[in-house]
PDB file of N, CA and C in Angstrom:
ATOM      1  N   MET A   1       3.752  -7.887  -9.792  1.00  0.00           N
ATOM      2  CA  MET A   1       3.853  -6.502  -9.358  1.00  0.00           C
ATOM      3  C   MET A   1       5.150  -6.279  -8.578  1.00  0.00           C
ATOM      4  N   ARG A   2       5.498  -7.217  -7.721  1.00  0.00           N
ATOM      5  CA  ARG A   2       6.680  -7.031  -6.883  1.00  0.00           C
ATOM      6  C   ARG A   2       7.952  -6.879  -7.693  1.00  0.00           C
ATOM      7  N   ASP A   3       8.076  -7.622  -8.769  1.00  0.00           N
ATOM      8  CA  ASP A   3       9.326  -7.624  -9.524  1.00  0.00           C
ATOM      9  C   ASP A   3       9.376  -6.592 -10.630  1.00  0.00           C
ATOM     10  N   SER A   4       8.220  -6.094 -11.058  1.00  0.00           N
ATOM     11  CA  SER A   4       8.218  -5.233 -12.237  1.00  0.00           C
ATOM     12  C   SER A   4       8.148  -3.737 -11.928  1.00  0.00           C
ATOM     13  N   THR A   5       7.735  -3.362 -10.735  1.00  0.00           N
ATOM     14  CA  THR A   5       7.593  -1.936 -10.448  1.00  0.00           C
ATOM     15  C   THR A   5       8.937  -1.312 -10.092  1.00  0.00           C
ATOM     16  N   THR A   6       9.122  -0.076 -10.525  1.00  0.00           N
ATOM     17  CA  THR A   6      10.398   0.607 -10.316  1.00  0.00           C
ATOM     18  C   THR A   6      10.303   1.764  -9.330  1.00  0.00           C
ATOM     19  N   SER A   7       9.078   2.232  -9.048  1.00  0.00           N
ATOM     20  CA  SER A   7       8.902   3.294  -8.058  1.00  0.00           C
ATOM     21  C   SER A   7       7.479   3.265  -7.518  1.00  0.00           C
ATOM     22  N   MET A   8       7.270   3.987  -6.414  1.00  0.00           N
ATOM     23  CA  MET A   8       5.964   4.048  -5.760  1.00  0.00           C
ATOM     24  C   MET A   8       5.737   5.455  -5.232  1.00  0.00           C
ATOM     25  N   ASP A   9       4.479   5.864  -5.237  1.00  0.00           N
ATOM     26  CA  ASP A   9       4.050   7.086  -4.566  1.00  0.00           C
ATOM     27  C   ASP A   9       2.980   6.699  -3.566  1.00  0.00           C
ATOM     28  N   ILE A  10       3.118   7.194  -2.341  1.00  0.00           N
ATOM     29  CA  ILE A  10       2.204   6.847  -1.263  1.00  0.00           C
ATOM     30  C   ILE A  10       1.661   8.137  -0.659  1.00  0.00           C
ATOM     31  N   VAL A  11       0.345   8.221  -0.550  1.00  0.00           N
ATOM     32  CA  VAL A  11      -0.308   9.369   0.070  1.00  0.00           C
ATOM     33  C   VAL A  11      -0.986   8.875   1.338  1.00  0.00           C
ATOM     34  N   MET A  12      -0.654   9.503   2.465  1.00  0.00           N
ATOM     35  CA  MET A  12      -1.229   9.139   3.761  1.00  0.00           C
ATOM     36  C   MET A  12      -2.354  10.108   4.086  1.00  0.00           C
ATOM     37  N   MET A  13      -3.501   9.556   4.463  1.00  0.00           N
ATOM     38  CA  MET A  13      -4.680  10.383   4.673  1.00  0.00           C
ATOM     39  C   MET A  13      -5.128  10.463   6.127  1.00  0.00           C
ATOM     40  N   GLN A  14      -4.428   9.807   7.022  1.00  0.00           N
ATOM     41  CA  GLN A  14      -4.795   9.871   8.431  1.00  0.00           C
ATOM     42  C   GLN A  14      -3.902  10.870   9.152  1.00  0.00           C
ATOM     43  N   GLY A  15      -4.371  11.375  10.278  1.00  0.00           N
ATOM     44  CA  GLY A  15      -3.606  12.382  11.005  1.00  0.00           C
ATOM     45  C   GLY A  15      -3.462  13.630  10.154  1.00  0.00           C
ATOM     46  N   LYS A  16      -2.271  14.179  10.113  1.00  0.00           N
ATOM     47  CA  LYS A  16      -2.004  15.370   9.304  1.00  0.00           C
ATOM     48  C   LYS A  16      -1.723  15.024   7.845  1.00  0.00           C
ATOM     49  N   GLY A  17      -1.713  13.734   7.522  1.00  0.00           N
ATOM     50  CA  GLY A  17      -1.453  13.320   6.147  1.00  0.00           C
ATOM     51  C   GLY A  17       0.022  13.392   5.822  1.00  0.00           C
ATOM     52  N   GLY A  18       0.324  13.266   4.566  1.00  0.00           N
ATOM     53  CA  GLY A  18       1.704  13.304   4.102  1.00  0.00           C
ATOM     54  C   GLY A  18       1.854  12.430   2.878  1.00  0.00           C
ATOM     55  N   SER A  19       3.050  12.372   2.371  1.00  0.00           N
ATOM     56  CA  SER A  19       3.310  11.533   1.209  1.00  0.00           C
ATOM     57  C   SER A  19       4.771  11.114   1.203  1.00  0.00           C
ATOM     58  N   MET A  20       5.051  10.089   0.428  1.00  0.00           N
ATOM     59  CA  MET A  20       6.426   9.654   0.228  1.00  0.00           C
ATOM     60  C   MET A  20       6.534   9.011  -1.144  1.00  0.00           C
ATOM     61  N   SER A  21       7.723   9.090  -1.692  1.00  0.00           N
ATOM     62  CA  SER A  21       8.028   8.436  -2.964  1.00  0.00           C
ATOM     63  C   SER A  21       9.220   7.524  -2.745  1.00  0.00           C
ATOM     64  N   LEU A  22       9.164   6.353  -3.351  1.00  0.00           N
ATOM     65  CA  LEU A  22      10.230   5.365  -3.230  1.00  0.00           C
ATOM     66  C   LEU A  22      10.662   4.929  -4.616  1.00  0.00           C
ATOM     67  N   ASP A  23      11.923   4.537  -4.741  1.00  0.00           N
ATOM     68  CA  ASP A  23      12.364   3.964  -6.009  1.00  0.00           C
ATOM     69  C   ASP A  23      13.442   2.919  -5.763  1.00  0.00           C
ATOM     70  N   GLY A  24      13.757   2.183  -6.809  1.00  0.00           N
ATOM     71  CA  GLY A  24      14.826   1.189  -6.747  1.00  0.00           C
ATOM     72  C   GLY A  24      14.596   0.098  -5.721  1.00  0.00           C
ATOM     73  N   ARG A  25      15.646  -0.220  -4.986  1.00  0.00           N
ATOM     74  CA  ARG A  25      15.586  -1.302  -4.000  1.00  0.00           C
ATOM     75  C   ARG A  25      14.575  -1.029  -2.894  1.00  0.00           C
ATOM     76  N   ASN A  26      14.318   0.236  -2.599  1.00  0.00           N
ATOM     77  CA  ASN A  26      13.332   0.563  -1.567  1.00  0.00           C
ATOM     78  C   ASN A  26      11.940   0.073  -1.940  1.00  0.00           C
ATOM     79  N   VAL A  27      11.622   0.074  -3.231  1.00  0.00           N
ATOM     80  CA  VAL A  27      10.322  -0.428  -3.689  1.00  0.00           C
ATOM     81  C   VAL A  27      10.226  -1.921  -3.414  1.00  0.00           C
ATOM     82  N   LYS A  28      11.277  -2.652  -3.723  1.00  0.00           N
ATOM     83  CA  LYS A  28      11.267  -4.101  -3.490  1.00  0.00           C
ATOM     84  C   LYS A  28      11.134  -4.410  -2.002  1.00  0.00           C
ATOM     85  N   LEU A  29      11.825  -3.664  -1.167  1.00  0.00           N
ATOM     86  CA  LEU A  29      11.720  -3.848   0.271  1.00  0.00           C
ATOM     87  C   LEU A  29      10.302  -3.530   0.744  1.00  0.00           C
ATOM     88  N   PHE A  30       9.764  -2.418   0.290  1.00  0.00           N
ATOM     89  CA  PHE A  30       8.431  -1.991   0.700  1.00  0.00           C
ATOM     90  C   PHE A  30       7.365  -2.983   0.246  1.00  0.00           C
ATOM     91  N   ASN A  31       7.515  -3.547  -0.945  1.00  0.00           N
ATOM     92  CA  ASN A  31       6.531  -4.494  -1.459  1.00  0.00           C
ATOM     93  C   ASN A  31       6.442  -5.754  -0.612  1.00  0.00           C
ATOM     94  N   ASN A  32       7.456  -6.015   0.208  1.00  0.00           N
ATOM     95  CA  ASN A  32       7.396  -7.173   1.108  1.00  0.00           C
ATOM     96  C   ASN A  32       6.367  -6.983   2.215  1.00  0.00           C
ATOM     97  N   PHE A  33       5.847  -5.768   2.381  1.00  0.00           N
ATOM     98  CA  PHE A  33       4.789  -5.518   3.362  1.00  0.00           C
ATOM     99  C   PHE A  33       3.451  -6.099   2.908  1.00  0.00           C
ATOM    100  N   PHE A  34       3.325  -6.373   1.623  1.00  0.00           N
ATOM    101  CA  PHE A  34       2.070  -6.864   1.060  1.00  0.00           C
ATOM    102  C   PHE A  34       2.180  -8.352   0.777  1.00  0.00           C
ATOM    103  N   GLU A  35       1.171  -9.088   1.231  1.00  0.00           N
ATOM    104  CA  GLU A  35       1.160 -10.538   1.070  1.00  0.00           C
ATOM    105  C   GLU A  35       0.338 -10.920  -0.158  1.00  0.00           C
ATOM    106  N   TYR A  36       0.615 -12.100  -0.668  1.00  0.00           N
ATOM    107  CA  TYR A  36      -0.200 -12.642  -1.757  1.00  0.00           C
ATOM    108  C   TYR A  36      -1.465 -13.289  -1.222  1.00  0.00           C
ATOM    109  N   LYS A  37      -1.751 -13.099   0.049  1.00  0.00           N
ATOM    110  CA  LYS A  37      -2.938 -13.674   0.680  1.00  0.00           C
ATOM    111  C   LYS A  37      -4.113 -12.715   0.537  1.00  0.00           C
ATOM    112  N   THR A  38      -5.265 -13.279   0.256  1.00  0.00           N
ATOM    113  CA  THR A  38      -6.479 -12.485   0.184  1.00  0.00           C
ATOM    114  C   THR A  38      -6.875 -12.077   1.598  1.00  0.00           C
ATOM    115  N   ALA A  39      -7.345 -10.854   1.727  1.00  0.00           N
ATOM    116  CA  ALA A  39      -7.796 -10.354   3.022  1.00  0.00           C
ATOM    117  C   ALA A  39      -9.274  -9.995   2.928  1.00  0.00           C
ATOM    118  N   ALA A  40      -9.932 -10.010   4.037  1.00  0.00           N
ATOM    119  CA  ALA A  40     -11.331  -9.593   4.095  1.00  0.00           C
ATOM    120  C   ALA A  40     -11.388  -8.089   4.322  1.00  0.00           C
ATOM    121  N   LYS A  41     -12.302  -7.425   3.650  1.00  0.00           N
ATOM    122  CA  LYS A  41     -12.504  -5.996   3.898  1.00  0.00           C
ATOM    123  C   LYS A  41     -13.157  -5.834   5.258  1.00  0.00           C
ATOM    124  N   THR A  42     -12.757  -4.784   5.947  1.00  0.00           N
ATOM    125  CA  THR A  42     -13.339  -4.482   7.252  1.00  0.00           C
ATOM    126  C   THR A  42     -13.900  -3.065   7.211  1.00  0.00           C
ATOM    127  N   LYS A  43     -14.316  -2.579   8.353  1.00  0.00           N
ATOM    128  CA  LYS A  43     -14.813  -1.209   8.441  1.00  0.00           C
ATOM    129  C   LYS A  43     -13.707  -0.217   8.770  1.00  0.00           C
ATOM    130  N   ALA A  44     -12.466  -0.644   8.615  1.00  0.00           N
ATOM    131  CA  ALA A  44     -11.327   0.246   8.878  1.00  0.00           C
ATOM    132  C   ALA A  44     -11.420   1.455   7.944  1.00  0.00           C
ATOM    133  N   PRO A  45     -11.112   2.645   8.461  1.00  0.00           N
ATOM    134  CA  PRO A  45     -11.157   3.835   7.608  1.00  0.00           C
ATOM    135  C   PRO A  45     -10.016   3.841   6.589  1.00  0.00           C
ATOM    136  N   LEU A  46     -10.241   4.517   5.496  1.00  0.00           N
ATOM    137  CA  LEU A  46      -9.216   4.674   4.471  1.00  0.00           C
ATOM    138  C   LEU A  46      -7.989   5.328   5.101  1.00  0.00           C
ATOM    139  N   ALA A  47      -6.833   4.703   4.945  1.00  0.00           N
ATOM    140  CA  ALA A  47      -5.597   5.233   5.507  1.00  0.00           C
ATOM    141  C   ALA A  47      -4.776   5.978   4.463  1.00  0.00           C
ATOM    142  N   GLY A  48      -4.919   5.593   3.184  1.00  0.00           N
ATOM    143  CA  GLY A  48      -4.152   6.267   2.152  1.00  0.00           C
ATOM    144  C   GLY A  48      -4.246   5.575   0.808  1.00  0.00           C
ATOM    145  N   ASN A  49      -3.503   6.102  -0.128  1.00  0.00           N
ATOM    146  CA  ASN A  49      -3.466   5.567  -1.489  1.00  0.00           C
ATOM    147  C   ASN A  49      -2.026   5.267  -1.885  1.00  0.00           C
ATOM    148  N   ILE A  50      -1.875   4.264  -2.734  1.00  0.00           N
ATOM    149  CA  ILE A  50      -0.561   3.862  -3.225  1.00  0.00           C
ATOM    150  C   ILE A  50      -0.633   3.738  -4.742  1.00  0.00           C
ATOM    151  N   MET A  51       0.399   4.220  -5.405  1.00  0.00           N
ATOM    152  CA  MET A  51       0.507   4.034  -6.844  1.00  0.00           C
ATOM    153  C   MET A  51       1.863   3.404  -7.134  1.00  0.00           C
ATOM    154  N   TRP A  52       1.836   2.267  -7.822  1.00  0.00           N
ATOM    155  CA  TRP A  52       3.052   1.605  -8.264  1.00  0.00           C
ATOM    156  C   TRP A  52       3.321   2.031  -9.696  1.00  0.00           C
ATOM    157  N   LEU A  53       4.584   2.352  -9.991  1.00  0.00           N
ATOM    158  CA  LEU A  53       4.956   2.816 -11.326  1.00  0.00           C
ATOM    159  C   LEU A  53       6.035   1.933 -11.938  1.00  0.00           C
ATOM    160  N   VAL A  54       6.031   1.874 -13.261  1.00  0.00           N
ATOM    161  CA  VAL A  54       7.085   1.211 -14.015  1.00  0.00           C
ATOM    162  C   VAL A  54       7.674   2.261 -14.941  1.00  0.00           C
ATOM    163  N   ASN A  55       8.937   2.604 -14.699  1.00  0.00           N
ATOM    164  CA  ASN A  55       9.625   3.624 -15.494  1.00  0.00           C
ATOM    165  C   ASN A  55       8.820   4.921 -15.618  1.00  0.00           C
ATOM    166  N   GLY A  56       8.265   5.363 -14.491  1.00  0.00           N
ATOM    167  CA  GLY A  56       7.560   6.642 -14.439  1.00  0.00           C
ATOM    168  C   GLY A  56       6.103   6.622 -14.865  1.00  0.00           C
ATOM    169  N   ARG A  57       5.594   5.472 -15.294  1.00  0.00           N
ATOM    170  CA  ARG A  57       4.194   5.374 -15.719  1.00  0.00           C
ATOM    171  C   ARG A  57       3.416   4.507 -14.736  1.00  0.00           C
ATOM    172  N   GLU A  58       2.189   4.923 -14.465  1.00  0.00           N
ATOM    173  CA  GLU A  58       1.368   4.176 -13.521  1.00  0.00           C
ATOM    174  C   GLU A  58       1.136   2.752 -14.016  1.00  0.00           C
ATOM    175  N   PHE A  59       1.402   1.802 -13.132  1.00  0.00           N
ATOM    176  CA  PHE A  59       1.157   0.399 -13.409  1.00  0.00           C
ATOM    177  C   PHE A  59      -0.151  -0.021 -12.760  1.00  0.00           C
ATOM    178  N   ILE A  60      -0.289   0.322 -11.477  1.00  0.00           N
ATOM    179  CA  ILE A  60      -1.500  -0.014 -10.734  1.00  0.00           C
ATOM    180  C   ILE A  60      -1.572   0.898  -9.512  1.00  0.00           C
ATOM    181  N   SER A  61      -2.777   1.168  -9.064  1.00  0.00           N
ATOM    182  CA  SER A  61      -2.931   1.976  -7.855  1.00  0.00           C
ATOM    183  C   SER A  61      -4.029   1.370  -6.999  1.00  0.00           C
ATOM    184  N   GLY A  62      -3.992   1.720  -5.735  1.00  0.00           N
ATOM    185  CA  GLY A  62      -4.981   1.186  -4.813  1.00  0.00           C
ATOM    186  C   GLY A  62      -5.045   2.002  -3.541  1.00  0.00           C
ATOM    187  N   SER A  63      -5.890   1.546  -2.649  1.00  0.00           N
ATOM    188  CA  SER A  63      -6.080   2.188  -1.351  1.00  0.00           C
ATOM    189  C   SER A  63      -5.699   1.202  -0.264  1.00  0.00           C
ATOM    190  N   TYR A  64      -5.179   1.728   0.845  1.00  0.00           N
ATOM    191  CA  TYR A  64      -4.830   0.827   1.938  1.00  0.00           C
ATOM    192  C   TYR A  64      -5.583   1.217   3.198  1.00  0.00           C
ATOM    193  N   PHE A  65      -5.807   0.210   4.031  1.00  0.00           N
ATOM    194  CA  PHE A  65      -6.599   0.331   5.248  1.00  0.00           C
ATOM    195  C   PHE A  65      -5.823  -0.350   6.362  1.00  0.00           C
ATOM    196  N   LEU A  66      -5.800   0.261   7.536  1.00  0.00           N
ATOM    197  CA  LEU A  66      -5.018  -0.270   8.658  1.00  0.00           C
ATOM    198  C   LEU A  66      -5.921  -0.829   9.736  1.00  0.00           C
ATOM    199  N   GLY A  67      -5.529  -1.984  10.260  1.00  0.00           N
ATOM    200  CA  GLY A  67      -6.250  -2.596  11.368  1.00  0.00           C
ATOM    201  C   GLY A  67      -5.409  -2.530  12.632  1.00  0.00           C
ATOM    202  N   ASP A  68      -5.811  -3.307  13.630  1.00  0.00           N
ATOM    203  CA  ASP A  68      -5.065  -3.335  14.891  1.00  0.00           C
ATOM    204  C   ASP A  68      -3.668  -3.918  14.698  1.00  0.00           C
ATOM    205  N   SER A  69      -3.574  -5.029  13.970  1.00  0.00           N
ATOM    206  CA  SER A  69      -2.259  -5.644  13.771  1.00  0.00           C
ATOM    207  C   SER A  69      -1.919  -5.833  12.296  1.00  0.00           C
ATOM    208  N   THR A  70      -2.898  -6.051  11.472  1.00  0.00           N
ATOM    209  CA  THR A  70      -2.666  -6.161  10.033  1.00  0.00           C
ATOM    210  C   THR A  70      -3.637  -5.239   9.321  1.00  0.00           C
ATOM    211  N   GLY A  71      -3.469  -5.101   8.046  1.00  0.00           N
ATOM    212  CA  GLY A  71      -4.367  -4.282   7.252  1.00  0.00           C
ATOM    213  C   GLY A  71      -4.529  -4.913   5.893  1.00  0.00           C
ATOM    214  N   TYR A  72      -5.001  -4.129   4.953  1.00  0.00           N
ATOM    215  CA  TYR A  72      -5.161  -4.658   3.608  1.00  0.00           C
ATOM    216  C   TYR A  72      -5.081  -3.538   2.582  1.00  0.00           C
ATOM    217  N   VAL A  73      -4.824  -3.929   1.338  1.00  0.00           N
ATOM    218  CA  VAL A  73      -4.776  -3.002   0.225  1.00  0.00           C
ATOM    219  C   VAL A  73      -5.792  -3.494  -0.802  1.00  0.00           C
ATOM    220  N   VAL A  74      -6.523  -2.550  -1.392  1.00  0.00           N
ATOM    221  CA  VAL A  74      -7.514  -2.867  -2.414  1.00  0.00           C
ATOM    222  C   VAL A  74      -7.082  -2.196  -3.707  1.00  0.00           C
ATOM    223  N   PHE A  75      -7.006  -2.977  -4.791  1.00  0.00           N
ATOM    224  CA  PHE A  75      -6.685  -2.409  -6.090  1.00  0.00           C
ATOM    225  C   PHE A  75      -7.437  -3.165  -7.178  1.00  0.00           C
ATOM    226  N   ASN A  76      -7.566  -2.539  -8.325  1.00  0.00           N
ATOM    227  CA  ASN A  76      -8.248  -3.145  -9.467  1.00  0.00           C
ATOM    228  C   ASN A  76      -7.247  -3.354 -10.586  1.00  0.00           C
ATOM    229  N   LYS A  77      -7.316  -4.504 -11.201  1.00  0.00           N
ATOM    230  CA  LYS A  77      -6.449  -4.833 -12.338  1.00  0.00           C
ATOM    231  C   LYS A  77      -7.296  -5.565 -13.365  1.00  0.00           C
ATOM    232  N   ASP A  78      -7.328  -5.044 -14.568  1.00  0.00           N
ATOM    233  CA  ASP A  78      -8.096  -5.653 -15.657  1.00  0.00           C
ATOM    234  C   ASP A  78      -9.558  -5.870 -15.273  1.00  0.00           C
ATOM    235  N   GLY A  79     -10.142  -4.885 -14.575  1.00  0.00           N
ATOM    236  CA  GLY A  79     -11.549  -4.939 -14.212  1.00  0.00           C
ATOM    237  C   GLY A  79     -11.884  -5.829 -13.039  1.00  0.00           C
ATOM    238  N   LYS A  80     -10.893  -6.396 -12.392  1.00  0.00           N
ATOM    239  CA  LYS A  80     -11.132  -7.269 -11.241  1.00  0.00           C
ATOM    240  C   LYS A  80     -10.553  -6.641  -9.979  1.00  0.00           C
ATOM    241  N   GLU A  81     -11.324  -6.683  -8.900  1.00  0.00           N
ATOM    242  CA  GLU A  81     -10.864  -6.133  -7.628  1.00  0.00           C
ATOM    243  C   GLU A  81     -10.087  -7.187  -6.854  1.00  0.00           C
ATOM    244  N   TYR A  82      -8.959  -6.757  -6.296  1.00  0.00           N
ATOM    245  CA  TYR A  82      -8.123  -7.616  -5.461  1.00  0.00           C
ATOM    246  C   TYR A  82      -8.009  -6.978  -4.081  1.00  0.00           C
ATOM    247  N   VAL A  83      -8.064  -7.796  -3.064  1.00  0.00           N
ATOM    248  CA  VAL A  83      -7.887  -7.357  -1.680  1.00  0.00           C
ATOM    249  C   VAL A  83      -6.781  -8.220  -1.089  1.00  0.00           C
ATOM    250  N   ASN A  84      -5.617  -7.616  -0.878  1.00  0.00           N
ATOM    251  CA  ASN A  84      -4.473  -8.358  -0.364  1.00  0.00           C
ATOM    252  C   ASN A  84      -4.094  -7.883   1.027  1.00  0.00           C
ATOM    253  N   MET A  85      -3.582  -8.808   1.793  1.00  0.00           N
ATOM    254  CA  MET A  85      -3.216  -8.544   3.182  1.00  0.00           C
ATOM    255  C   MET A  85      -1.969  -7.681   3.288  1.00  0.00           C
ATOM    256  N   LEU A  86      -2.003  -6.766   4.216  1.00  0.00           N
ATOM    257  CA  LEU A  86      -0.852  -5.964   4.625  1.00  0.00           C
ATOM    258  C   LEU A  86      -0.351  -6.620   5.909  1.00  0.00           C
ATOM    259  N   ASN A  87       0.896  -7.107   5.916  1.00  0.00           N
ATOM    260  CA  ASN A  87       1.369  -7.871   7.067  1.00  0.00           C
ATOM    261  C   ASN A  87       1.605  -6.981   8.298  1.00  0.00           C
ATOM    262  N   VAL A  88       1.957  -7.624   9.399  1.00  0.00           N
ATOM    263  CA  VAL A  88       2.148  -6.928  10.675  1.00  0.00           C
ATOM    264  C   VAL A  88       3.198  -5.822  10.552  1.00  0.00           C
ATOM    265  N   GLN A  89       4.314  -6.114   9.882  1.00  0.00           N
ATOM    266  CA  GLN A  89       5.378  -5.117   9.733  1.00  0.00           C
ATOM    267  C   GLN A  89       4.902  -3.920   8.906  1.00  0.00           C
ATOM    268  N   GLY A  90       4.169  -4.192   7.838  1.00  0.00           N
ATOM    269  CA  GLY A  90       3.648  -3.115   7.000  1.00  0.00           C
ATOM    270  C   GLY A  90       2.633  -2.260   7.733  1.00  0.00           C
ATOM    271  N   ASN A  91       1.727  -2.918   8.450  1.00  0.00           N
ATOM    272  CA  ASN A  91       0.721  -2.205   9.226  1.00  0.00           C
ATOM    273  C   ASN A  91       1.398  -1.301  10.260  1.00  0.00           C
ATOM    274  N   SER A  92       2.400  -1.859  10.934  1.00  0.00           N
ATOM    275  CA  SER A  92       3.133  -1.101  11.949  1.00  0.00           C
ATOM    276  C   SER A  92       3.876   0.083  11.316  1.00  0.00           C
ATOM    277  N   PHE A  93       4.500  -0.140  10.159  1.00  0.00           N
ATOM    278  CA  PHE A  93       5.207   0.936   9.475  1.00  0.00           C
ATOM    279  C   PHE A  93       4.246   2.078   9.132  1.00  0.00           C
ATOM    280  N   PHE A  94       3.133   1.757   8.505  1.00  0.00           N
ATOM    281  CA  PHE A  94       2.166   2.786   8.135  1.00  0.00           C
ATOM    282  C   PHE A  94       1.639   3.535   9.361  1.00  0.00           C
ATOM    283  N   LYS A  95       1.334   2.815  10.409  1.00  0.00           N
ATOM    284  CA  LYS A  95       0.845   3.463  11.638  1.00  0.00           C
ATOM    285  C   LYS A  95       1.896   4.414  12.197  1.00  0.00           C
ATOM    286  N   GLY A  96       3.163   4.040  12.082  1.00  0.00           N
ATOM    287  CA  GLY A  96       4.251   4.880  12.567  1.00  0.00           C
ATOM    288  C   GLY A  96       4.439   6.143  11.753  1.00  0.00           C
ATOM    289  N   GLN A  97       3.895   6.190  10.547  1.00  0.00           N
ATOM    290  CA  GLN A  97       4.020   7.356   9.685  1.00  0.00           C
ATOM    291  C   GLN A  97       2.894   8.376   9.901  1.00  0.00           C
ATOM    292  N   ILE A  98       1.886   8.027  10.682  1.00  0.00           N
ATOM    293  CA  ILE A  98       0.760   8.927  10.914  1.00  0.00           C
ATOM    294  C   ILE A  98       1.211  10.060  11.834  1.00  0.00           C
ATOM    295  N   LYS A  99       1.134  11.278  11.326  1.00  0.00           N
ATOM    296  CA  LYS A  99       1.526  12.449  12.099  1.00  0.00           C
ATOM    297  C   LYS A  99       0.288  13.065  12.711  1.00  0.00           C
ATOM    298  N   GLN A 100       0.321  13.244  14.011  1.00  0.00           N
ATOM    299  CA  GLN A 100      -0.838  13.806  14.723  1.00  0.00           C
ATOM    300  C   GLN A 100      -0.779  15.313  14.806  1.00  0.00           C
TER     301      GLN A 100
END
């Protein structure tokens, strides 16, 4: 996913909400917020949705959840659910985007 996606759309659902779109090198930088480590689901509220695209077509989409220091993203691929860790920098970035 990290190497093949060319753009992303992110919808933020906490606070006043919002959205952002990324493309090119920004996608590669942003994807570094997500670890290949499995994370445990918690009772954290839904923070938003992310869609990764390849040349304008949806590749995969998921939901992200924020914790105190880290968070996680949940997505389905080929009928299987994956829960991957959102690192400290990613969690902090997303929290900083919440508009009150």
